[in-house]
Amino acid sequence: MIKDKRKSLNKATLYSYQAARVKKVQDKNDLSVIDGELCRALINPDKNKFDYDNKILSIGFEYGFEVGDIFSWDRTNSYWLITLQDLDEIAYFRGEIRRCDY
């Protein structure tokens, strides 16, 4: 089941309209330092409030994303913070993210 879920994620990152290309920010004090590799992920809508924008990030564990990391979303040229990890998902990393420019 885990292999099938991971296979589904890999296909979705290629063909889904929610697929995204992201880069991890290496220096949290200087957001212009983006040395991370370009990674394929899924960014699904979650909550859009007046004050903030939350979404769900799904990405492979091999990219090393974890809670507290900041990444750049290539298409929107915006920065996002991983705020919470879904520990029930063991096939890939899934977590809640919040846009950083508020």
Protein backbone atom coordinates (compact mmCIF):
# COMPACT_ATOMS: atom_id res chain seq x y z
CA MET A 1 0.00 0.00 0.00
CA ILE A 2 2.85 2.39 0.81
CA LYS A 3 4.49 1.72 -2.56
CA ASP A 4 1.18 2.35 -4.35
CA LYS A 5 0.62 5.63 -2.52
CA ARG A 6 4.13 6.76 -3.41
CA LYS A 7 3.62 5.73 -7.03
CA SER A 8 0.42 7.80 -7.10
CA LEU A 9 2.28 10.83 -5.71
CA ASN A 10 5.00 10.49 -8.35
CA LYS A 11 2.41 10.40 -11.16
CA ALA A 12 0.45 13.29 -9.66
CA THR A 13 3.54 15.52 -9.45
CA LEU A 14 3.95 15.08 -13.20
CA TYR A 15 0.36 15.31 -14.44
CA SER A 16 -1.82 17.04 -11.85
CA TYR A 17 -2.82 20.69 -12.16
CA GLN A 18 -1.85 21.02 -8.48
CA ALA A 19 1.72 19.94 -9.21
CA ALA A 20 4.35 22.49 -8.25
CA ARG A 21 8.09 23.01 -8.45
CA VAL A 22 9.64 24.15 -5.18
CA LYS A 23 13.11 24.98 -3.85
CA LYS A 24 14.13 24.85 -0.21
CA VAL A 25 15.61 28.07 1.21
CA GLN A 26 18.98 27.21 2.72
CA ASP A 27 19.51 30.34 4.85
CA LYS A 28 16.39 31.36 6.81
CA ASN A 29 17.96 34.75 7.61
CA ASP A 30 18.50 35.59 3.92
CA LEU A 31 15.63 34.44 1.69
CA SER A 32 17.61 35.27 -1.45
CA VAL A 33 19.88 32.25 -0.82
CA ILE A 34 18.00 29.42 -2.53
CA ASP A 35 20.57 26.70 -3.10
CA GLY A 36 18.22 23.76 -2.93
CA GLU A 37 17.42 21.61 -5.90
CA LEU A 38 14.21 22.12 -7.82
CA CYS A 39 11.76 19.51 -6.48
CA ARG A 40 8.38 18.34 -7.73
CA ALA A 41 5.57 18.43 -5.18
CA LEU A 42 1.81 18.77 -4.83
CA ILE A 43 0.33 21.88 -3.25
CA ASN A 44 -3.37 21.46 -2.47
CA PRO A 45 -5.71 24.16 -1.17
CA ASP A 46 -6.61 23.96 2.51
CA LYS A 47 -7.79 27.19 4.16
CA ASN A 48 -7.86 30.67 2.66
CA LYS A 49 -8.65 33.25 5.31
CA PHE A 50 -8.55 37.01 5.19
CA ASP A 51 -5.35 37.11 7.27
CA TYR A 52 -3.44 34.11 5.91
CA ASP A 53 -3.32 31.39 3.27
CA ASN A 54 -2.80 27.73 4.30
CA LYS A 55 -2.20 24.87 1.89
CA ILE A 56 -1.14 21.20 2.06
CA LEU A 57 2.30 20.18 0.73
CA SER A 58 2.98 16.61 -0.40
CA ILE A 59 6.57 15.75 -1.37
CA GLY A 60 8.92 12.77 -1.20
CA PHE A 61 10.96 12.19 1.96
CA GLU A 62 14.18 12.12 -0.10
CA TYR A 63 14.11 15.92 -0.44
CA GLY A 64 14.51 16.38 3.32
CA PHE A 65 11.67 18.81 3.97
CA GLU A 66 10.61 19.13 7.61
CA VAL A 67 8.65 21.40 9.93
CA GLY A 68 10.17 24.88 10.13
CA ASP A 69 11.64 24.83 6.61
CA ILE A 70 10.97 27.70 4.22
CA PHE A 71 10.68 27.07 0.49
CA SER A 72 10.06 29.04 -2.65
CA TRP A 73 7.16 28.10 -4.94
CA ASP A 74 8.52 28.55 -8.46
CA ARG A 75 5.27 29.36 -10.30
CA THR A 76 3.98 32.03 -7.91
CA ASN A 77 7.41 33.33 -6.82
CA SER A 78 6.25 33.24 -3.19
CA TYR A 79 7.71 31.88 0.04
CA TRP A 80 6.03 29.30 2.28
CA LEU A 81 6.70 27.97 5.79
CA ILE A 82 6.02 24.35 6.76
CA THR A 83 4.06 24.64 10.01
CA LEU A 84 2.76 21.14 10.76
CA GLN A 85 3.57 17.60 9.58
CA ASP A 86 0.89 14.95 9.09
CA LEU A 87 2.48 12.03 10.97
CA ASP A 88 -0.18 9.57 9.77
CA GLU A 89 1.26 9.67 6.24
CA ILE A 90 4.28 7.36 5.95
CA ALA A 91 4.61 7.04 2.17
CA TYR A 92 5.76 10.64 1.68
CA PHE A 93 6.03 13.93 3.58
CA ARG A 94 2.71 15.73 3.93
CA GLY A 95 2.36 18.90 5.92
CA GLU A 96 0.50 22.14 6.34
CA ILE A 97 2.15 25.23 4.90
CA ARG A 98 1.47 28.94 5.30
CA ARG A 99 2.44 31.78 3.01
CA CYS A 100 5.25 33.89 4.49
CA ASP A 101 4.52 37.41 3.24
CA TYR A 102 1.87 38.44 5.77
